[in-house]
């Protein structure tokens, strides 16, 4: 999900030298649990260290690219996973790993403290860890400096004055990219309507990149790379990190991120402890400022400035899991056809 401080956090974690967190590779430790996740996973060092001190286990983190690729990898290795537990599968790709029978049933003792309303699988397989809303974001400062009104809706993105200004993610590889595609489908129901919308976007020179990191950190004008696109698909909470930006709250799609014990895991007990850890008060409290997502644990405090800079949309688009599962690959193929990819 949201990824703003990940580069700093990853560099800190990689340079720590204490052996708590590694990117990949083999380990001789028998007291190790391997977490597979997306490339935006980031938690403070002291929070990660608490897992080791409380459990006696070493947490090894292996990052894929975005959640779309992560879910494909988990599904393809069902029963013979490269790790013990996964975090970062979201509701737009969850059926892929469930249909592959890649996740073992597990219900955390803290599951009834908020996550239960998002639980997936019967019996429980995927445990909700955080939630957010994928929305169009604009660089307000960029538009103010040029005395241009920013877009206010999905349809505005197809207008001539915004030609070549928008960057989105590939829905086949990126979970926010898939969520944005679903938002456009929900906003343009009816045969051929959403495809026609994307034809207009393509004609307006929309840029497509593989994942959120490339879009926000490299292509977005307000991102770390100071790119050339002042309109980007990101999250409702993104402006809490960059107050000179704004999320268009009428363009959003609701996203939930999950964790699960991998079928065939070598360290099942350790995997269950990771799920419990991610639902614990310390991690849940750290999520907003570490990954800019909303915790699912009831009563978890949010940063004071989120009320001003990261308000939640009143009516984000949603879609039943079975509808997404039945249509995802077809919609992705139709999108590729429209976009000539």
Protein backbone atom coordinates (compact mmCIF):
# COMPACT_ATOMS: atom_id res chain seq x y z
CA UNK A 1 0.00 0.00 0.00
CA UNK A 2 1.39 3.42 0.83
CA UNK A 3 5.11 3.61 0.58
CA UNK A 4 6.44 7.10 1.24
CA UNK A 5 9.16 6.46 3.80
CA UNK A 6 10.15 3.05 2.55
CA UNK A 7 13.43 4.05 0.89
CA UNK A 8 14.80 5.56 4.10
CA UNK A 9 13.48 2.69 6.18
CA UNK A 10 14.91 0.07 3.85
CA UNK A 11 18.34 1.72 3.83
CA UNK A 12 18.34 1.89 7.62
CA UNK A 13 17.27 -1.72 7.91
CA UNK A 14 19.83 -2.94 5.41
CA UNK A 15 22.65 -1.10 7.12
CA UNK A 16 21.73 -2.13 10.63
CA UNK A 17 24.12 -5.07 10.53
CA UNK A 18 22.41 -6.85 13.38
CA UNK A 19 21.02 -9.59 11.24
CA UNK A 20 17.41 -8.87 12.12
CA UNK A 21 16.34 -7.94 8.63
CA UNK A 22 17.82 -9.15 5.38
CA UNK A 23 16.67 -8.74 1.82
CA UNK A 24 17.15 -12.26 0.51
CA UNK A 25 19.54 -15.16 0.38
CA UNK A 26 20.08 -18.27 2.46
CA UNK A 27 20.50 -18.42 6.21
CA UNK A 28 21.87 -21.10 8.48
CA UNK A 29 19.54 -20.08 11.33
CA UNK A 30 17.02 -22.67 12.50
CA UNK A 31 15.21 -19.97 14.49
CA UNK A 32 14.21 -17.94 11.47
CA UNK A 33 10.86 -17.02 9.96
CA UNK A 34 10.71 -15.75 6.39
CA UNK A 35 8.22 -13.03 5.47
CA UNK A 36 7.42 -12.53 1.78
CA UNK A 37 6.10 -9.07 1.02
CA UNK A 38 5.99 -6.26 -1.53
CA UNK A 39 8.83 -3.84 -2.13
CA UNK A 40 7.18 -1.13 -0.04
CA UNK A 41 7.21 -2.93 3.30
CA UNK A 42 8.75 -0.71 5.97
CA UNK A 43 8.57 -0.69 9.75
CA UNK A 44 10.86 1.08 12.27
CA UNK A 45 13.92 -0.84 13.44
CA UNK A 46 12.81 -0.83 17.06
CA UNK A 47 9.45 -2.32 16.11
CA UNK A 48 11.11 -5.09 14.11
CA UNK A 49 13.58 -5.66 16.95
CA UNK A 50 10.70 -6.17 19.37
CA UNK A 51 9.55 -9.18 17.35
CA UNK A 52 12.94 -10.86 17.80
CA UNK A 53 13.16 -10.05 21.49
CA UNK A 54 9.63 -11.29 22.19
CA UNK A 55 9.77 -14.47 20.11
CA UNK A 56 13.45 -15.39 19.94
CA UNK A 57 13.08 -15.64 16.15
CA UNK A 58 14.97 -13.81 13.46
CA UNK A 59 12.68 -12.13 10.93
CA UNK A 60 13.93 -12.35 7.38
CA UNK A 61 12.10 -10.14 4.88
CA UNK A 62 12.07 -11.04 1.19
CA UNK A 63 10.58 -8.40 -1.08
CA UNK A 64 8.84 -8.94 -4.40
CA UNK A 65 7.94 -5.97 -6.60
CA UNK A 66 4.31 -4.89 -6.23
CA UNK A 67 1.39 -6.80 -4.74
CA UNK A 68 0.20 -8.04 -8.13
CA UNK A 69 3.50 -9.78 -8.80
CA UNK A 70 3.65 -10.94 -5.18
CA UNK A 71 0.25 -12.63 -5.45
CA UNK A 72 1.24 -14.32 -8.72
CA UNK A 73 4.44 -15.63 -7.13
CA UNK A 74 2.57 -16.96 -4.09
CA UNK A 75 -0.03 -18.68 -6.27
CA UNK A 76 2.59 -20.28 -8.53
CA UNK A 77 4.54 -21.71 -5.57
CA UNK A 78 1.52 -22.94 -3.60
CA UNK A 79 2.58 -25.79 -1.33
CA UNK A 80 6.30 -25.15 -1.92
CA UNK A 81 6.69 -21.52 -0.86
CA UNK A 82 9.92 -19.55 -0.64
CA UNK A 83 8.89 -18.33 2.79
CA UNK A 84 6.63 -18.96 5.76
CA UNK A 85 4.23 -16.04 5.80
CA UNK A 86 3.08 -13.36 3.38
CA UNK A 87 2.03 -9.76 3.94
CA UNK A 88 0.71 -7.38 1.30
CA UNK A 89 -1.85 -9.41 -0.65
CA UNK A 90 -4.77 -7.05 -1.16
CA UNK A 91 -8.46 -7.44 -1.92
CA UNK A 92 -7.95 -6.88 -5.65
CA UNK A 93 -5.66 -9.92 -5.93
CA UNK A 94 -6.67 -12.03 -2.89
CA UNK A 95 -8.70 -14.56 -4.87
CA UNK A 96 -5.60 -15.47 -6.85
CA UNK A 97 -3.84 -16.93 -3.79
CA UNK A 98 -7.04 -18.35 -2.27
CA UNK A 99 -7.99 -20.16 -5.47
CA UNK A 100 -4.47 -21.61 -5.62
CA UNK A 101 -4.86 -22.95 -2.05
CA UNK A 102 -1.63 -21.18 -1.16
CA UNK A 103 -2.69 -20.05 2.34
CA UNK A 104 -3.22 -22.13 5.49
CA UNK A 105 -6.15 -21.38 7.82
CA UNK A 106 -5.16 -19.34 10.86
CA UNK A 107 -7.12 -17.04 13.16
CA UNK A 108 -5.08 -14.71 15.32
CA UNK A 109 -6.18 -14.14 18.94
CA UNK A 110 -6.52 -10.45 18.02
CA UNK A 111 -8.65 -11.08 14.95
CA UNK A 112 -11.83 -10.00 16.73
CA UNK A 113 -10.37 -6.56 17.55
CA UNK A 114 -11.18 -5.11 14.12
CA UNK A 115 -9.71 -7.35 11.41
CA UNK A 116 -12.69 -9.73 11.50
CA UNK A 117 -14.81 -7.37 9.38
CA UNK A 118 -12.43 -7.89 6.45
CA UNK A 119 -11.59 -11.60 6.94
CA UNK A 120 -11.23 -13.67 3.75
CA UNK A 121 -11.41 -17.44 3.31
CA UNK A 122 -13.51 -20.04 5.07
CA UNK A 123 -12.06 -21.04 7.44
CA UNK A 124 -10.12 -17.83 7.97
CA UNK A 125 -7.05 -17.70 5.73
CA UNK A 126 -6.20 -14.07 5.05
CA UNK A 127 -6.07 -11.72 8.04
CA UNK A 128 -6.56 -7.99 7.42
CA UNK A 129 -3.62 -5.86 8.61
CA UNK A 130 -4.31 -2.41 7.20
CA UNK A 131 -6.60 -0.51 4.87
CA UNK A 132 -6.47 2.52 2.61
CA UNK A 133 -8.12 4.18 -0.36
CA UNK A 134 -6.49 4.35 -3.79
CA UNK A 135 -7.22 7.78 -5.26
CA UNK A 136 -5.98 10.22 -7.87
CA UNK A 137 -3.51 12.67 -6.29
CA UNK A 138 -2.47 16.05 -7.67
CA UNK A 139 0.54 18.27 -7.03
CA UNK A 140 -1.34 21.37 -5.90
CA UNK A 141 1.80 23.49 -5.88
CA UNK A 142 2.57 22.62 -9.53
CA UNK A 143 -0.89 23.75 -10.64
CA UNK A 144 -0.83 26.91 -8.48
CA UNK A 145 2.52 27.98 -9.91
CA UNK A 146 1.11 27.71 -13.44
CA UNK A 147 -2.25 29.25 -12.59
CA UNK A 148 -4.02 26.12 -13.85
CA UNK A 149 -6.99 24.57 -12.08
CA UNK A 150 -6.22 20.96 -11.11
CA UNK A 151 -8.56 18.15 -12.20
CA UNK A 152 -11.45 17.42 -9.85
CA UNK A 153 -12.76 14.07 -11.13
CA UNK A 154 -11.90 10.93 -13.07
CA UNK A 155 -13.46 12.37 -16.22
CA UNK A 156 -11.33 15.51 -15.95
CA UNK A 157 -8.23 13.39 -16.57
CA UNK A 158 -9.33 13.00 -20.20
CA UNK A 159 -9.60 16.77 -20.80
CA UNK A 160 -7.18 18.45 -23.20
CA UNK A 161 -5.69 20.75 -20.54
CA UNK A 162 -4.34 17.69 -18.70
CA UNK A 163 -2.86 15.98 -21.74
CA UNK A 164 0.35 14.13 -20.84
CA UNK A 165 0.15 15.06 -17.15
CA UNK A 166 -1.07 11.78 -15.60
CA UNK A 167 0.81 8.64 -14.58
CA UNK A 168 -0.94 5.40 -13.54
CA UNK A 169 0.16 1.83 -12.80
CA UNK A 170 -0.25 -1.38 -14.77
CA UNK A 171 -3.21 -3.26 -13.22
CA UNK A 172 -1.57 -6.61 -13.94
CA UNK A 173 1.48 -5.91 -11.77
CA UNK A 174 0.37 -3.24 -9.32
CA UNK A 175 -2.33 -3.45 -6.65
CA UNK A 176 -3.03 0.31 -6.67
CA UNK A 177 -3.03 0.05 -10.46
CA UNK A 178 -5.67 -2.68 -10.27
CA UNK A 179 -7.64 -0.68 -7.69
CA UNK A 180 -7.63 2.34 -10.00
CA UNK A 181 -8.86 0.19 -12.88
CA UNK A 182 -11.69 -1.05 -10.64
CA UNK A 183 -12.51 2.54 -9.68
CA UNK A 184 -12.90 3.44 -13.35
CA UNK A 185 -15.04 0.35 -13.99
CA UNK A 186 -17.28 1.25 -11.04
CA UNK A 187 -17.55 4.85 -12.27
CA UNK A 188 -18.36 3.84 -15.86
CA UNK A 189 -20.79 0.89 -15.71
CA UNK A 190 -22.37 -0.51 -18.81
CA UNK A 191 -21.06 -2.32 -21.85
CA UNK A 192 -17.99 -0.69 -23.28
CA UNK A 193 -18.15 2.35 -20.99
CA UNK A 194 -14.99 1.89 -18.98
CA UNK A 195 -13.09 0.78 -22.07
CA UNK A 196 -14.17 4.00 -23.79
CA UNK A 197 -12.95 5.96 -20.78
CA UNK A 198 -9.52 4.35 -21.04
CA UNK A 199 -9.44 5.03 -24.76
CA UNK A 200 -9.87 8.70 -23.91
CA UNK A 201 -7.13 8.46 -21.27
CA UNK A 202 -4.80 6.83 -23.78
CA UNK A 203 -5.57 9.52 -26.34
CA UNK A 204 -4.69 12.07 -23.64
CA UNK A 205 -1.20 10.55 -23.32
CA UNK A 206 -1.59 8.89 -19.92
CA UNK A 207 1.68 7.26 -18.83
CA UNK A 208 1.72 3.70 -17.44
CA UNK A 209 4.47 2.32 -15.18
CA UNK A 210 4.78 -1.08 -13.45
CA UNK A 211 4.21 0.00 -9.84
CA UNK A 212 3.57 2.68 -7.23
CA UNK A 213 7.24 3.31 -6.49
CA UNK A 214 8.01 4.24 -10.09
CA UNK A 215 4.87 6.37 -10.37
CA UNK A 216 5.08 8.32 -7.11
CA UNK A 217 8.79 8.47 -6.39
CA UNK A 218 10.06 8.82 -9.96
CA UNK A 219 7.34 10.23 -12.23
CA UNK A 220 5.30 12.45 -9.90
CA UNK A 221 6.41 16.10 -9.80
CA UNK A 222 6.12 16.19 -5.99
CA UNK A 223 7.90 12.84 -5.52
CA UNK A 224 11.50 12.16 -4.61
CA UNK A 225 12.60 12.14 -8.23
CA UNK A 226 10.80 15.39 -9.12
CA UNK A 227 9.35 13.88 -12.28
CA UNK A 228 7.21 15.51 -14.94
CA UNK A 229 3.69 14.27 -14.03
CA UNK A 230 1.63 16.39 -11.58
CA UNK A 231 -1.21 13.84 -11.52
CA UNK A 232 -0.64 10.36 -10.09
CA UNK A 233 -2.57 7.39 -8.73
CA UNK A 234 -1.74 7.06 -5.03
CA UNK A 235 -3.71 7.09 -1.76
CA UNK A 236 -6.09 9.29 0.22
CA UNK A 237 -3.43 9.39 2.94
CA UNK A 238 -0.59 10.52 0.65
CA UNK A 239 -1.07 14.24 1.38
CA UNK A 240 -0.23 13.59 5.03
CA UNK A 241 3.29 12.93 3.80
CA UNK A 242 3.29 15.69 1.17
CA UNK A 243 0.92 18.49 2.29
CA UNK A 244 1.48 20.33 -1.00
CA UNK A 245 -0.52 17.56 -2.68
CA UNK A 246 -4.20 16.69 -2.61
CA UNK A 247 -6.19 13.47 -3.03
CA UNK A 248 -9.36 13.64 -5.10
CA UNK A 249 -11.71 11.86 -2.71
CA UNK A 250 -14.36 11.21 -5.37
CA UNK A 251 -11.95 9.01 -7.36
CA UNK A 252 -11.13 6.40 -4.70
CA UNK A 253 -11.33 2.62 -4.42
CA UNK A 254 -11.17 0.88 -1.04
CA UNK A 255 -8.13 -1.38 -0.55
CA UNK A 256 -7.39 -3.88 2.25
CA UNK A 257 -3.99 -5.54 2.78
CA UNK A 258 -3.73 -9.02 4.28
CA UNK A 259 -1.28 -11.43 5.86
CA UNK A 260 -1.43 -15.22 5.79
CA UNK A 261 0.47 -18.37 6.70
CA UNK A 262 1.81 -20.03 3.55
CA UNK A 263 0.83 -23.65 2.88
CA UNK A 264 3.98 -25.74 3.03
CA UNK A 265 5.79 -23.28 5.32
CA UNK A 266 8.82 -24.67 7.15
CA UNK A 267 8.09 -22.58 10.23
CA UNK A 268 4.31 -22.57 10.69
CA UNK A 269 4.42 -21.51 14.33
CA UNK A 270 6.77 -18.64 13.47
CA UNK A 271 4.50 -17.60 10.60
CA UNK A 272 1.53 -17.44 12.98
CA UNK A 273 3.58 -15.28 15.33
CA UNK A 274 4.30 -12.87 12.48
CA UNK A 275 0.57 -12.52 11.78
CA UNK A 276 -0.03 -11.85 15.49
CA UNK A 277 2.86 -9.35 15.50
CA UNK A 278 1.43 -7.43 12.53
CA UNK A 279 -1.89 -7.17 14.35
CA UNK A 280 -0.28 -6.12 17.63
CA UNK A 281 -0.65 -2.65 19.10
CA UNK A 282 2.96 -1.65 18.33
CA UNK A 283 2.86 -2.45 14.61
CA UNK A 284 -0.66 -1.13 14.16
CA UNK A 285 0.34 2.19 15.74
CA UNK A 286 3.44 2.37 13.51
CA UNK A 287 1.63 1.71 10.22
CA UNK A 288 0.34 5.24 9.54
CA UNK A 289 3.74 6.93 9.63
CA UNK A 290 5.72 3.95 8.31
CA UNK A 291 3.58 2.98 5.33
CA UNK A 292 0.87 5.65 5.37
CA UNK A 293 -2.03 3.23 5.71
CA UNK A 294 -4.87 3.03 8.18
CA UNK A 295 -4.58 0.33 10.89
CA UNK A 296 -7.44 -2.15 11.19
CA UNK A 297 -7.13 -2.68 14.94
CA UNK A 298 -9.95 -0.82 16.67
CA UNK A 299 -8.83 2.09 18.84
CA UNK A 300 -5.40 2.53 17.25
CA UNK A 301 -4.50 6.25 17.34
CA UNK A 302 -3.76 8.14 14.13
CA UNK A 303 -1.25 10.99 13.74
CA UNK A 304 -2.78 14.33 14.71
CA UNK A 305 -2.37 15.88 11.27
CA UNK A 306 -4.21 13.07 9.44
CA UNK A 307 -7.58 14.65 10.17
CA UNK A 308 -6.47 17.65 8.12
CA UNK A 309 -4.27 16.09 5.46
CA UNK A 310 -5.51 12.50 5.15
CA UNK A 311 -9.30 12.51 5.50
CA UNK A 312 -10.96 9.30 4.42
CA UNK A 313 -13.38 9.44 1.48
CA UNK A 314 -17.01 9.17 2.45
CA UNK A 315 -17.99 6.72 -0.27
CA UNK A 316 -15.02 5.01 -1.91
CA UNK A 317 -15.84 2.54 -4.65
CA UNK A 318 -15.94 -1.10 -3.61
CA UNK A 319 -16.53 -4.38 -5.40
CA UNK A 320 -17.37 -7.88 -4.09
CA UNK A 321 -14.41 -10.26 -4.01
CA UNK A 322 -16.20 -12.81 -6.19
CA UNK A 323 -16.91 -10.20 -8.87
CA UNK A 324 -13.25 -9.21 -8.94
CA UNK A 325 -12.20 -12.87 -9.04
CA UNK A 326 -14.54 -13.71 -11.93
CA UNK A 327 -13.55 -10.73 -14.05
CA UNK A 328 -10.02 -9.63 -13.10
CA UNK A 329 -8.07 -11.44 -15.82
CA UNK A 330 -10.67 -10.54 -18.48
CA UNK A 331 -10.62 -6.90 -17.44
CA UNK A 332 -6.84 -6.86 -17.44
CA UNK A 333 -6.76 -8.32 -20.94
CA UNK A 334 -9.35 -5.82 -22.17
CA UNK A 335 -7.29 -3.03 -20.61
CA UNK A 336 -4.16 -4.27 -22.39
CA UNK A 337 -6.05 -4.33 -25.68
CA UNK A 338 -7.31 -0.78 -25.21
CA UNK A 339 -3.86 0.45 -24.19
CA UNK A 340 -2.06 -1.46 -26.94
CA UNK A 341 0.16 -3.32 -24.49
